[in-house]
N, C-alpha and C. Protein backbone atom coordinates (compact mmCIF):
# COMPACT_ATOMS: atom_id res chain seq x y z
N UNK A 1 37.23 197.31 136.12
CA UNK A 1 37.39 197.47 137.57
C UNK A 1 38.23 198.72 137.85
N UNK A 2 37.68 199.61 138.64
CA UNK A 2 38.38 200.84 138.98
C UNK A 2 39.52 200.55 139.96
N UNK A 3 40.46 201.49 140.05
CA UNK A 3 41.59 201.32 140.96
C UNK A 3 41.10 201.21 142.40
N UNK A 4 40.13 202.02 142.77
CA UNK A 4 39.61 202.00 144.14
C UNK A 4 38.97 200.65 144.45
N UNK A 5 38.21 200.12 143.50
CA UNK A 5 37.56 198.83 143.71
C UNK A 5 38.61 197.72 143.78
N UNK A 6 39.63 197.83 142.94
CA UNK A 6 40.68 196.81 142.94
C UNK A 6 41.44 196.81 144.26
N UNK A 7 41.74 198.00 144.79
CA UNK A 7 42.44 198.09 146.07
C UNK A 7 41.60 197.49 147.19
N UNK A 8 40.30 197.69 147.12
CA UNK A 8 39.41 197.10 148.12
C UNK A 8 39.45 195.57 148.01
N UNK A 9 39.52 195.07 146.78
CA UNK A 9 39.60 193.62 146.60
C UNK A 9 40.94 193.08 147.10
N UNK A 10 42.03 193.83 146.91
CA UNK A 10 43.33 193.41 147.41
C UNK A 10 43.27 193.22 148.92
N UNK A 11 42.65 194.18 149.60
CA UNK A 11 42.51 194.07 151.06
C UNK A 11 41.71 192.82 151.43
N UNK A 12 40.60 192.58 150.72
CA UNK A 12 39.78 191.40 151.00
C UNK A 12 40.58 190.12 150.74
N UNK A 13 41.36 190.10 149.65
CA UNK A 13 42.16 188.92 149.32
C UNK A 13 43.23 188.67 150.38
N UNK A 14 43.81 189.75 150.93
CA UNK A 14 44.82 189.61 151.99
C UNK A 14 44.21 189.01 153.24
N UNK A 15 43.01 189.46 153.59
CA UNK A 15 42.33 188.92 154.78
C UNK A 15 42.08 187.43 154.60
N UNK A 16 41.62 187.05 153.40
CA UNK A 16 41.34 185.64 153.13
C UNK A 16 42.61 184.81 153.19
N UNK A 17 43.68 185.30 152.55
CA UNK A 17 44.93 184.54 152.49
C UNK A 17 45.57 184.38 153.87
N UNK A 18 45.44 185.41 154.70
CA UNK A 18 46.05 185.38 156.02
C UNK A 18 45.30 184.48 157.01
N UNK A 19 44.07 184.13 156.67
CA UNK A 19 43.30 183.26 157.55
C UNK A 19 43.93 181.87 157.58
N UNK A 20 44.26 181.35 158.77
CA UNK A 20 44.88 180.02 158.85
C UNK A 20 43.99 178.95 158.23
N UNK A 21 44.59 178.04 157.49
CA UNK A 21 43.83 176.96 156.87
C UNK A 21 44.78 175.86 156.42
N UNK A 22 44.26 174.81 155.80
CA UNK A 22 45.11 173.70 155.35
C UNK A 22 46.22 174.14 154.40
N UNK A 23 45.96 175.15 153.55
CA UNK A 23 47.00 175.62 152.64
C UNK A 23 48.19 176.19 153.38
N UNK A 24 47.91 176.96 154.43
CA UNK A 24 48.99 177.53 155.24
C UNK A 24 49.76 176.43 155.96
N UNK A 25 49.03 175.44 156.47
CA UNK A 25 49.68 174.31 157.16
C UNK A 25 50.58 173.55 156.20
N UNK A 26 50.10 173.30 154.99
CA UNK A 26 50.91 172.59 154.00
C UNK A 26 52.15 173.39 153.65
N UNK A 27 52.00 174.70 153.44
CA UNK A 27 53.13 175.56 153.08
C UNK A 27 54.19 175.53 154.18
N UNK A 28 53.76 175.62 155.43
CA UNK A 28 54.70 175.60 156.55
C UNK A 28 55.35 174.23 156.71
N UNK A 29 54.56 173.19 156.53
CA UNK A 29 55.09 171.83 156.68
C UNK A 29 56.19 171.55 155.66
N UNK A 30 55.92 171.86 154.40
CA UNK A 30 56.91 171.61 153.36
C UNK A 30 58.10 172.55 153.51
N UNK A 31 57.83 173.82 153.84
CA UNK A 31 58.92 174.77 154.02
C UNK A 31 59.85 174.38 155.15
N UNK A 32 59.29 173.88 156.24
CA UNK A 32 60.09 173.49 157.40
C UNK A 32 60.91 172.24 157.13
N UNK A 33 60.29 171.29 156.46
CA UNK A 33 60.97 169.99 156.27
C UNK A 33 61.86 169.96 155.04
N UNK A 34 61.46 170.70 153.98
CA UNK A 34 62.17 170.56 152.70
C UNK A 34 62.69 171.88 152.13
N UNK A 35 62.32 173.01 152.74
CA UNK A 35 62.81 174.30 152.24
C UNK A 35 61.85 174.94 151.26
N UNK A 36 62.10 176.21 150.97
CA UNK A 36 61.18 177.00 150.14
C UNK A 36 61.12 176.49 148.70
N UNK A 37 62.23 175.96 148.18
CA UNK A 37 62.25 175.50 146.79
C UNK A 37 61.18 174.44 146.55
N UNK A 38 60.94 173.58 147.52
CA UNK A 38 59.88 172.58 147.38
C UNK A 38 58.53 173.16 147.79
N UNK A 39 58.55 174.07 148.77
CA UNK A 39 57.28 174.65 149.22
C UNK A 39 56.59 175.43 148.11
N UNK A 40 57.36 176.12 147.26
CA UNK A 40 56.74 176.91 146.20
C UNK A 40 56.00 176.01 145.21
N UNK A 41 56.46 174.77 145.07
CA UNK A 41 55.76 173.83 144.18
C UNK A 41 54.38 173.50 144.76
N UNK A 42 54.34 173.27 146.07
CA UNK A 42 53.05 173.03 146.73
C UNK A 42 52.16 174.26 146.64
N UNK A 43 52.76 175.44 146.79
CA UNK A 43 52.00 176.69 146.71
C UNK A 43 51.41 176.88 145.31
N UNK A 44 52.15 176.50 144.28
CA UNK A 44 51.62 176.59 142.92
C UNK A 44 50.44 175.63 142.73
N UNK A 45 50.50 174.49 143.41
CA UNK A 45 49.35 173.58 143.39
C UNK A 45 48.14 174.22 144.02
N UNK A 46 48.34 174.93 145.13
CA UNK A 46 47.25 175.66 145.77
C UNK A 46 46.63 176.68 144.82
N UNK A 47 47.49 177.37 144.07
CA UNK A 47 46.99 178.41 143.16
C UNK A 47 46.23 177.82 141.97
N UNK A 48 46.68 176.66 141.50
CA UNK A 48 45.96 175.99 140.42
C UNK A 48 44.54 175.66 140.86
N UNK A 49 44.42 175.14 142.08
CA UNK A 49 43.10 174.82 142.61
C UNK A 49 42.27 176.10 142.78
N UNK A 50 42.91 177.17 143.21
CA UNK A 50 42.21 178.44 143.39
C UNK A 50 41.64 178.94 142.07
N UNK A 51 42.41 178.81 140.99
CA UNK A 51 41.92 179.22 139.68
C UNK A 51 40.78 178.33 139.20
N UNK A 52 40.87 177.04 139.51
CA UNK A 52 39.77 176.12 139.16
C UNK A 52 38.50 176.54 139.89
N UNK A 53 38.62 176.84 141.19
CA UNK A 53 37.47 177.25 141.98
C UNK A 53 36.88 178.57 141.47
N UNK A 54 37.76 179.49 141.10
CA UNK A 54 37.29 180.77 140.56
C UNK A 54 36.58 180.57 139.23
N UNK A 55 37.08 179.65 138.41
CA UNK A 55 36.42 179.34 137.14
C UNK A 55 35.04 178.76 137.37
N UNK A 56 34.94 177.86 138.36
CA UNK A 56 33.63 177.28 138.70
C UNK A 56 32.65 178.37 139.12
N UNK A 57 33.14 179.33 139.89
CA UNK A 57 32.29 180.44 140.30
C UNK A 57 31.88 181.27 139.09
N UNK A 58 32.83 181.49 138.17
CA UNK A 58 32.57 182.29 136.99
C UNK A 58 31.52 181.71 136.07
N UNK A 59 31.48 180.39 135.99
CA UNK A 59 30.51 179.75 135.11
C UNK A 59 29.23 179.37 135.84
N UNK A 60 29.16 179.72 137.11
CA UNK A 60 27.91 179.50 137.85
C UNK A 60 27.85 178.22 138.65
N UNK A 61 28.90 177.36 138.57
CA UNK A 61 28.85 176.10 139.30
C UNK A 61 29.06 176.30 140.80
N UNK A 62 29.71 177.41 141.15
CA UNK A 62 29.88 177.70 142.56
C UNK A 62 28.55 177.88 143.27
N UNK A 63 27.63 178.58 142.60
CA UNK A 63 26.29 178.77 143.17
C UNK A 63 25.55 177.44 143.27
N UNK A 64 25.78 176.57 142.27
CA UNK A 64 25.14 175.25 142.30
C UNK A 64 25.66 174.44 143.48
N UNK A 65 26.96 174.50 143.72
CA UNK A 65 27.54 173.77 144.84
C UNK A 65 27.02 174.31 146.16
N UNK A 66 26.87 175.63 146.22
CA UNK A 66 26.36 176.24 147.45
C UNK A 66 24.91 175.86 147.71
N UNK A 67 24.16 175.66 146.62
CA UNK A 67 22.73 175.36 146.76
C UNK A 67 22.45 173.87 146.94
N UNK A 68 23.34 173.02 146.46
CA UNK A 68 23.11 171.58 146.50
C UNK A 68 23.75 170.98 147.75
N UNK A 69 22.92 170.50 148.64
CA UNK A 69 23.42 169.87 149.87
C UNK A 69 24.22 168.62 149.55
N UNK A 70 23.75 167.83 148.58
CA UNK A 70 24.42 166.57 148.24
C UNK A 70 25.80 166.83 147.63
N UNK A 71 25.88 167.79 146.70
CA UNK A 71 27.16 168.10 146.06
C UNK A 71 28.15 168.65 147.08
N UNK A 72 27.67 169.55 147.94
CA UNK A 72 28.54 170.13 148.95
C UNK A 72 29.06 169.05 149.90
N UNK A 73 28.17 168.14 150.31
CA UNK A 73 28.55 167.07 151.23
C UNK A 73 29.57 166.14 150.59
N UNK A 74 29.38 165.82 149.31
CA UNK A 74 30.29 164.91 148.62
C UNK A 74 31.70 165.50 148.54
N UNK A 75 31.79 166.76 148.13
CA UNK A 75 33.10 167.41 148.03
C UNK A 75 33.72 167.56 149.41
N UNK A 76 32.90 167.92 150.38
CA UNK A 76 33.40 168.12 151.73
C UNK A 76 33.99 166.84 152.32
N UNK A 77 33.27 165.72 152.16
CA UNK A 77 33.75 164.46 152.71
C UNK A 77 35.00 163.97 151.98
N UNK A 78 35.03 164.18 150.67
CA UNK A 78 36.23 163.79 149.91
C UNK A 78 37.43 164.62 150.36
N UNK A 79 37.23 165.91 150.54
CA UNK A 79 38.31 166.77 151.00
C UNK A 79 38.76 166.42 152.41
N UNK A 80 37.80 166.14 153.29
CA UNK A 80 38.13 165.77 154.66
C UNK A 80 38.91 164.46 154.70
N UNK A 81 38.48 163.49 153.89
CA UNK A 81 39.17 162.20 153.84
C UNK A 81 40.60 162.38 153.36
N UNK A 82 40.81 163.26 152.37
CA UNK A 82 42.17 163.47 151.87
C UNK A 82 43.05 164.11 152.93
N UNK A 83 42.52 165.09 153.66
CA UNK A 83 43.31 165.74 154.71
C UNK A 83 43.69 164.74 155.80
N UNK A 84 42.75 163.89 156.18
CA UNK A 84 43.05 162.87 157.20
C UNK A 84 44.10 161.90 156.67
N UNK A 85 43.94 161.46 155.44
CA UNK A 85 44.93 160.55 154.83
C UNK A 85 46.30 161.21 154.76
N UNK A 86 46.34 162.49 154.36
CA UNK A 86 47.60 163.21 154.29
C UNK A 86 48.24 163.33 155.67
N UNK A 87 47.40 163.58 156.68
CA UNK A 87 47.92 163.65 158.05
C UNK A 87 48.51 162.34 158.51
N UNK A 88 47.85 161.23 158.18
CA UNK A 88 48.36 159.91 158.56
C UNK A 88 49.70 159.64 157.85
N UNK A 89 49.77 160.03 156.58
CA UNK A 89 51.02 159.85 155.83
C UNK A 89 52.15 160.66 156.47
N UNK A 90 51.84 161.90 156.87
CA UNK A 90 52.84 162.73 157.53
C UNK A 90 53.28 162.09 158.84
N UNK A 91 52.31 161.59 159.60
CA UNK A 91 52.58 160.99 160.91
C UNK A 91 53.50 159.78 160.75
N UNK A 92 53.24 158.96 159.74
CA UNK A 92 53.96 157.71 159.58
C UNK A 92 55.28 157.87 158.84
N UNK A 93 55.51 159.03 158.19
CA UNK A 93 56.73 159.22 157.39
C UNK A 93 57.98 159.08 158.26
N UNK A 94 58.95 158.32 157.77
CA UNK A 94 60.20 158.11 158.49
C UNK A 94 61.23 159.12 158.00
N UNK A 95 61.80 159.95 158.87
CA UNK A 95 62.79 160.95 158.45
C UNK A 95 63.98 160.29 157.79
N UNK A 96 64.49 160.97 156.78
CA UNK A 96 65.66 160.49 156.04
C UNK A 96 66.76 161.53 156.17
N UNK A 97 67.99 161.14 156.46
CA UNK A 97 69.07 162.10 156.64
C UNK A 97 69.29 162.99 155.42
N UNK A 98 68.87 162.53 154.23
CA UNK A 98 69.05 163.33 153.03
C UNK A 98 68.11 164.49 152.91
N UNK A 99 67.12 164.58 153.80
CA UNK A 99 66.22 165.73 153.79
C UNK A 99 64.88 165.48 153.16
N UNK A 100 64.68 164.28 152.59
CA UNK A 100 63.38 163.95 152.00
C UNK A 100 62.79 162.79 152.77
N UNK A 101 61.57 162.91 153.20
CA UNK A 101 60.99 161.85 154.00
C UNK A 101 60.75 160.62 153.17
N UNK A 102 60.64 159.49 153.85
CA UNK A 102 60.43 158.22 153.14
C UNK A 102 58.98 158.02 152.79
N UNK A 103 58.16 159.04 152.93
CA UNK A 103 56.75 158.91 152.64
C UNK A 103 56.42 159.06 151.17
N UNK A 104 57.45 159.05 150.31
CA UNK A 104 57.20 159.13 148.88
C UNK A 104 56.98 160.54 148.38
N UNK A 105 57.36 161.56 149.17
CA UNK A 105 57.14 162.93 148.76
C UNK A 105 58.16 163.33 147.70
N UNK A 106 57.73 164.14 146.76
CA UNK A 106 58.57 164.63 145.68
C UNK A 106 58.00 165.96 145.22
N UNK A 107 58.75 166.73 144.40
CA UNK A 107 58.18 167.98 143.91
C UNK A 107 56.81 167.81 143.26
N UNK A 108 56.67 166.78 142.45
CA UNK A 108 55.37 166.52 141.83
C UNK A 108 54.32 166.19 142.89
N UNK A 109 54.74 165.42 143.90
CA UNK A 109 53.83 165.07 144.98
C UNK A 109 53.38 166.29 145.76
N UNK A 110 54.29 167.24 145.98
CA UNK A 110 53.95 168.46 146.69
C UNK A 110 52.92 169.27 145.90
N UNK A 111 53.09 169.31 144.57
CA UNK A 111 52.14 170.04 143.73
C UNK A 111 50.75 169.41 143.83
N UNK A 112 50.70 168.10 143.76
CA UNK A 112 49.42 167.39 143.84
C UNK A 112 48.78 167.61 145.22
N UNK A 113 49.60 167.61 146.26
CA UNK A 113 49.08 167.86 147.60
C UNK A 113 48.43 169.24 147.66
N UNK A 114 49.13 170.26 147.15
CA UNK A 114 48.57 171.61 147.15
C UNK A 114 47.27 171.67 146.36
N UNK A 115 47.26 171.02 145.21
CA UNK A 115 46.07 171.01 144.36
C UNK A 115 44.88 170.39 145.09
N UNK A 116 45.10 169.22 145.67
CA UNK A 116 43.99 168.49 146.30
C UNK A 116 43.55 169.11 147.61
N UNK A 117 44.50 169.71 148.35
CA UNK A 117 44.13 170.35 149.61
C UNK A 117 43.12 171.46 149.36
N UNK A 118 43.34 172.28 148.34
CA UNK A 118 42.40 173.38 148.06
C UNK A 118 41.14 172.89 147.35
N UNK A 119 41.29 171.95 146.41
CA UNK A 119 40.12 171.47 145.67
C UNK A 119 39.14 170.75 146.59
N UNK A 120 39.66 170.15 147.65
CA UNK A 120 38.80 169.38 148.55
C UNK A 120 38.08 170.23 149.58
N UNK A 121 38.14 171.53 149.45
CA UNK A 121 37.47 172.42 150.41
C UNK A 121 36.30 173.15 149.74
N UNK A 122 35.08 172.59 149.82
CA UNK A 122 33.95 173.23 149.15
C UNK A 122 33.60 174.58 149.76
N UNK A 123 33.97 174.80 151.02
CA UNK A 123 33.68 176.08 151.66
C UNK A 123 34.44 177.20 150.97
N UNK A 124 35.61 176.87 150.38
CA UNK A 124 36.37 177.88 149.65
C UNK A 124 35.61 178.36 148.43
N UNK A 125 34.96 177.42 147.71
CA UNK A 125 34.18 177.81 146.53
C UNK A 125 33.00 178.66 146.94
N UNK A 126 32.33 178.25 148.01
CA UNK A 126 31.18 179.02 148.50
C UNK A 126 31.63 180.41 148.93
N UNK A 127 32.79 180.48 149.57
CA UNK A 127 33.30 181.76 150.02
C UNK A 127 33.66 182.65 148.83
N UNK A 128 34.32 182.07 147.83
CA UNK A 128 34.67 182.83 146.64
C UNK A 128 33.40 183.32 145.93
N UNK A 129 32.38 182.44 145.91
CA UNK A 129 31.11 182.82 145.26
C UNK A 129 30.46 184.01 145.97
N UNK A 130 30.72 184.15 147.27
CA UNK A 130 30.16 185.28 148.01
C UNK A 130 31.06 186.51 147.92
N UNK A 131 32.38 186.28 147.84
CA UNK A 131 33.33 187.39 147.86
C UNK A 131 33.46 188.12 146.52
N UNK A 132 33.52 187.36 145.43
CA UNK A 132 33.89 187.94 144.13
C UNK A 132 32.79 188.78 143.47
N UNK A 133 31.53 188.32 143.41
CA UNK A 133 30.51 189.07 142.65
C UNK A 133 30.40 190.55 142.96
N UNK A 134 30.52 191.01 144.22
CA UNK A 134 30.43 192.45 144.47
C UNK A 134 31.50 193.27 143.77
N UNK A 135 32.58 192.62 143.37
CA UNK A 135 33.67 193.34 142.71
C UNK A 135 33.59 193.22 141.19
N UNK A 136 32.57 192.56 140.68
CA UNK A 136 32.39 192.39 139.24
C UNK A 136 31.28 193.32 138.77
N UNK A 137 31.60 194.15 137.79
CA UNK A 137 30.61 195.07 137.22
C UNK A 137 29.87 194.34 136.11
N UNK A 138 28.58 194.05 136.28
CA UNK A 138 27.84 193.31 135.24
C UNK A 138 27.71 194.06 133.92
N UNK A 139 27.95 195.37 133.95
CA UNK A 139 27.84 196.17 132.72
C UNK A 139 29.09 196.06 131.86
N UNK A 140 30.16 195.48 132.41
CA UNK A 140 31.42 195.36 131.69
C UNK A 140 31.70 193.89 131.36
N UNK A 141 32.58 193.63 130.37
CA UNK A 141 32.91 192.24 130.04
C UNK A 141 33.42 191.49 131.27
N UNK A 142 32.91 190.29 131.48
CA UNK A 142 33.22 189.53 132.69
C UNK A 142 34.62 188.91 132.65
N UNK A 143 35.05 188.43 131.48
CA UNK A 143 36.32 187.70 131.41
C UNK A 143 37.51 188.54 131.88
N UNK A 144 37.69 189.78 131.38
CA UNK A 144 38.83 190.58 131.88
C UNK A 144 38.75 190.83 133.38
N UNK A 145 37.55 191.02 133.90
CA UNK A 145 37.40 191.26 135.34
C UNK A 145 37.78 190.02 136.14
N UNK A 146 37.34 188.85 135.68
CA UNK A 146 37.70 187.62 136.38
C UNK A 146 39.20 187.34 136.26
N UNK A 147 39.80 187.75 135.14
CA UNK A 147 41.25 187.59 134.98
C UNK A 147 42.00 188.44 136.00
N UNK A 148 41.52 189.67 136.21
CA UNK A 148 42.14 190.55 137.20
C UNK A 148 41.96 189.98 138.60
N UNK A 149 40.74 189.51 138.88
CA UNK A 149 40.46 188.93 140.19
C UNK A 149 41.34 187.71 140.44
N UNK A 150 41.44 186.83 139.44
CA UNK A 150 42.26 185.62 139.58
C UNK A 150 43.72 185.95 139.78
N UNK A 151 44.26 186.88 138.98
CA UNK A 151 45.67 187.26 139.11
C UNK A 151 45.94 187.88 140.48
N UNK A 152 44.99 188.69 140.95
CA UNK A 152 45.16 189.34 142.25
C UNK A 152 45.12 188.32 143.38
N UNK A 153 44.13 187.43 143.37
CA UNK A 153 44.02 186.43 144.43
C UNK A 153 45.25 185.53 144.47
N UNK A 154 45.71 185.10 143.31
CA UNK A 154 46.87 184.20 143.27
C UNK A 154 48.13 184.92 143.72
N UNK A 155 48.30 186.17 143.28
CA UNK A 155 49.50 186.92 143.68
C UNK A 155 49.54 187.12 145.19
N UNK A 156 48.41 187.52 145.75
CA UNK A 156 48.35 187.73 147.20
C UNK A 156 48.58 186.41 147.94
N UNK A 157 47.94 185.35 147.47
CA UNK A 157 48.05 184.06 148.16
C UNK A 157 49.48 183.52 148.06
N UNK A 158 50.12 183.67 146.90
CA UNK A 158 51.51 183.23 146.76
C UNK A 158 52.41 183.97 147.74
N UNK A 159 52.19 185.29 147.85
CA UNK A 159 53.01 186.09 148.77
C UNK A 159 52.82 185.63 150.22
N UNK A 160 51.57 185.42 150.62
CA UNK A 160 51.29 185.04 152.00
C UNK A 160 51.79 183.62 152.29
N UNK A 161 51.49 182.67 151.39
CA UNK A 161 51.95 181.30 151.62
C UNK A 161 53.47 181.21 151.59
N UNK A 162 54.11 182.04 150.75
CA UNK A 162 55.57 182.07 150.70
C UNK A 162 56.13 182.57 152.03
N UNK A 163 55.46 183.57 152.60
CA UNK A 163 55.91 184.08 153.90
C UNK A 163 55.81 182.99 154.97
N UNK A 164 54.71 182.24 154.94
CA UNK A 164 54.56 181.12 155.88
C UNK A 164 55.69 180.10 155.69
N UNK A 165 55.96 179.75 154.42
CA UNK A 165 56.97 178.74 154.12
C UNK A 165 58.37 179.21 154.49
N UNK A 166 58.68 180.48 154.18
CA UNK A 166 60.01 181.02 154.49
C UNK A 166 60.21 181.12 155.99
N UNK A 167 59.17 181.53 156.71
CA UNK A 167 59.27 181.61 158.16
C UNK A 167 59.52 180.22 158.75
N UNK A 168 58.80 179.23 158.24
CA UNK A 168 59.01 177.85 158.71
C UNK A 168 60.42 177.38 158.36
N UNK A 169 60.89 177.76 157.16
CA UNK A 169 62.23 177.38 156.75
C UNK A 169 63.30 177.93 157.67
N UNK A 170 63.06 179.12 158.21
CA UNK A 170 64.01 179.73 159.15
C UNK A 170 64.13 178.89 160.42
N UNK A 171 63.09 178.15 160.73
CA UNK A 171 63.09 177.34 161.94
C UNK A 171 63.60 175.92 161.71
N UNK A 172 64.04 175.65 160.46
CA UNK A 172 64.43 174.28 160.12
C UNK A 172 65.62 173.79 160.95
N UNK A 173 66.45 174.74 161.41
CA UNK A 173 67.60 174.33 162.23
C UNK A 173 67.16 173.67 163.53
N UNK A 174 65.93 173.95 163.94
CA UNK A 174 65.43 173.39 165.19
C UNK A 174 64.95 171.95 165.03
N UNK A 175 64.83 171.50 163.79
CA UNK A 175 64.34 170.14 163.56
C UNK A 175 65.39 169.28 162.87
N UNK A 176 66.65 169.58 163.18
CA UNK A 176 67.73 168.76 162.67
C UNK A 176 67.74 167.42 163.40
N UNK A 177 68.00 166.36 162.66
CA UNK A 177 68.10 165.04 163.27
C UNK A 177 66.79 164.29 163.17
N UNK A 178 66.88 162.97 163.16
CA UNK A 178 65.69 162.12 162.99
C UNK A 178 64.61 162.32 164.04
N UNK A 179 65.02 162.49 165.32
CA UNK A 179 64.03 162.60 166.38
C UNK A 179 63.21 163.88 166.24
N UNK A 180 63.89 165.00 165.98
CA UNK A 180 63.19 166.27 165.82
C UNK A 180 62.32 166.26 164.57
N UNK A 181 62.84 165.68 163.48
CA UNK A 181 62.07 165.61 162.24
C UNK A 181 60.83 164.74 162.41
N UNK A 182 60.97 163.65 163.17
CA UNK A 182 59.83 162.77 163.42
C UNK A 182 58.75 163.51 164.22
N UNK A 183 59.19 164.30 165.20
CA UNK A 183 58.25 165.09 165.99
C UNK A 183 57.53 166.10 165.11
N UNK A 184 58.28 166.75 164.21
CA UNK A 184 57.67 167.73 163.29
C UNK A 184 56.64 167.05 162.39
N UNK A 185 56.98 165.85 161.87
CA UNK A 185 56.04 165.11 161.03
C UNK A 185 54.74 164.81 161.79
N UNK A 186 54.88 164.44 163.05
CA UNK A 186 53.70 164.06 163.83
C UNK A 186 52.87 165.28 164.23
N UNK A 187 53.53 166.40 164.46
CA UNK A 187 52.79 167.62 164.77
C UNK A 187 51.95 168.05 163.58
N UNK A 188 52.59 168.14 162.40
CA UNK A 188 51.85 168.55 161.22
C UNK A 188 50.85 167.49 160.79
N UNK A 189 51.20 166.22 160.99
CA UNK A 189 50.24 165.16 160.67
C UNK A 189 48.99 165.29 161.52
N UNK A 190 49.17 165.59 162.79
CA UNK A 190 48.02 165.76 163.69
C UNK A 190 47.18 166.97 163.27
N UNK A 191 47.86 168.04 162.83
CA UNK A 191 47.13 169.24 162.40
C UNK A 191 46.29 168.93 161.16
N UNK A 192 46.85 168.17 160.22
CA UNK A 192 46.10 167.81 159.02
C UNK A 192 44.89 166.95 159.37
N UNK A 193 45.08 165.99 160.28
CA UNK A 193 43.96 165.15 160.69
C UNK A 193 42.88 166.00 161.35
N UNK A 194 43.31 166.91 162.23
CA UNK A 194 42.34 167.79 162.90
C UNK A 194 41.61 168.67 161.89
N UNK A 195 42.34 169.16 160.87
CA UNK A 195 41.71 169.99 159.84
C UNK A 195 40.69 169.18 159.04
N UNK A 196 41.03 167.92 158.76
CA UNK A 196 40.10 167.05 158.04
C UNK A 196 38.84 166.80 158.84
N UNK A 197 39.00 166.52 160.13
CA UNK A 197 37.82 166.27 160.97
C UNK A 197 36.98 167.54 161.12
N UNK A 198 37.65 168.70 161.20
CA UNK A 198 36.91 169.96 161.31
C UNK A 198 36.15 170.23 160.02
N UNK A 199 36.77 169.92 158.87
CA UNK A 199 36.06 170.12 157.59
C UNK A 199 34.86 169.18 157.49
N UNK A 200 35.03 167.93 157.93
CA UNK A 200 33.93 166.97 157.88
C UNK A 200 32.75 167.42 158.74
N UNK A 201 33.05 168.11 159.85
CA UNK A 201 31.99 168.55 160.76
C UNK A 201 31.42 169.92 160.38
N UNK A 202 32.07 170.61 159.46
CA UNK A 202 31.66 171.97 159.13
C UNK A 202 30.40 171.97 158.28
N UNK A 203 29.61 173.01 158.45
CA UNK A 203 28.43 173.24 157.61
C UNK A 203 28.70 174.43 156.71
N UNK A 204 27.76 174.69 155.81
CA UNK A 204 27.95 175.82 154.92
C UNK A 204 27.73 177.14 155.63
């Protein structure tokens, strides 16, 4: 991959990362309620899912998912159901003065949330399948090129999601106290439910 082509891909990756989605909502939610130290764990979960999706595209399964209505529908409904469930959990979580909600959230839980939020979005795989191939030179070894693409996408996404989480963390002073924290839980819970319903209604 030439430097010019790589820079073009960086721009494309920035546009994708900056687009609002469930990953951004999760990063802001965790950053606001628990701080960046916990948000980065959720962000790493998002990146793990991103690498899984990129691998699926690399081995050709992304094209299969894009072509198979049944496979796309199954992943889409599973992802939508998880987002709705996550939203309900956020809505019902009881604020705890110690800073961790009573909804059973933990660093490991945040990682799993990040992983499942991205894995449950089949449109992301379809989008990656459309975005990445133009930047891959078929005359050159594919593995090093996919490694560069994966490292670039993850680096850009980590930077953008971190910015979302840090910005939300700056606003944490506004959600001090049980009442404000409960309102924050319900706002983000509603957003997750809305994102799940939007994913369920979305087409390819």
